[in-house]
Amino acid sequence: MGKIFGFFKECGAELRKVVWPTRDDVVSSVKVVIVSTIIIAAILGCLDILFSAGMSLAF
């Protein structure tokens, strides 16, 4: 049982060392993720249209 309590005590100590991001950091990171997702989706959509058109012409 001592090992279990020691584990949770060490977990709590490590969590107190964590430097949490500020709200501005989180908002800017979310913006980067959303913009990146939209760009990648647009690229993949264009590639899908091109490959579909190419396959329609080939077959």
Protein backbone atom coordinates (compact mmCIF):
# COMPACT_ATOMS: atom_id res chain seq x y z
CA MET A 1 0.00 0.00 0.00
CA GLY A 2 2.90 2.33 0.67
CA LYS A 3 3.98 2.20 -2.96
CA ILE A 4 0.50 3.20 -4.13
CA PHE A 5 0.37 6.21 -1.80
CA GLY A 6 3.91 7.15 -2.80
CA PHE A 7 2.92 7.00 -6.46
CA PHE A 8 -0.01 9.38 -5.98
CA LYS A 9 2.12 11.70 -3.85
CA GLU A 10 4.73 11.87 -6.62
CA CYS A 11 2.00 12.46 -9.22
CA GLY A 12 0.72 15.42 -7.22
CA ALA A 13 4.25 16.80 -6.88
CA GLU A 14 4.79 16.57 -10.65
CA LEU A 15 1.45 18.24 -11.39
CA ARG A 16 2.44 21.19 -9.20
CA LYS A 17 5.53 21.65 -11.42
CA VAL A 18 3.46 21.91 -14.61
CA VAL A 19 3.40 25.31 -16.28
CA TRP A 20 -0.04 25.61 -17.80
CA PRO A 21 -0.46 27.67 -20.99
CA THR A 22 -2.14 31.04 -20.85
CA ARG A 23 -5.48 31.65 -22.53
CA ASP A 24 -3.76 33.60 -25.32
CA ASP A 25 -1.39 30.68 -25.99
CA VAL A 26 -4.29 28.25 -26.22
CA VAL A 27 -6.30 30.53 -28.52
CA SER A 28 -3.36 31.03 -30.88
CA SER A 29 -2.67 27.29 -30.95
CA VAL A 30 -6.32 26.56 -31.76
CA LYS A 31 -6.22 29.10 -34.59
CA VAL A 32 -3.13 27.41 -36.06
CA VAL A 33 -4.80 23.99 -35.88
CA ILE A 34 -8.02 25.22 -37.51
CA VAL A 35 -6.22 27.04 -40.33
CA SER A 36 -3.92 24.06 -40.95
CA THR A 37 -6.90 21.70 -41.04
CA ILE A 38 -8.74 23.89 -43.56
CA ILE A 39 -5.66 24.16 -45.81
CA ILE A 40 -4.99 20.41 -45.75
CA ALA A 41 -8.68 19.66 -46.41
CA ALA A 42 -8.66 22.03 -49.41
CA ILE A 43 -5.51 20.43 -50.82
CA LEU A 44 -6.91 16.91 -50.39
CA GLY A 45 -10.23 17.98 -51.92
CA CYS A 46 -8.46 19.39 -54.98
CA LEU A 47 -6.40 16.23 -55.34
CA ASP A 48 -9.53 14.12 -55.06
CA ILE A 49 -11.24 16.14 -57.80
CA LEU A 50 -8.18 15.86 -60.05
CA PHE A 51 -7.80 12.12 -59.55
CA SER A 52 -11.53 11.55 -60.04
CA ALA A 53 -11.45 13.54 -63.29
CA GLY A 54 -8.36 11.65 -64.42
CA MET A 55 -9.98 8.29 -63.72
CA SER A 56 -13.14 9.34 -65.55
CA LEU A 57 -11.06 10.20 -68.60
CA ALA A 58 -9.01 7.00 -68.39
CA PHE A 59 -11.93 4.64 -67.98
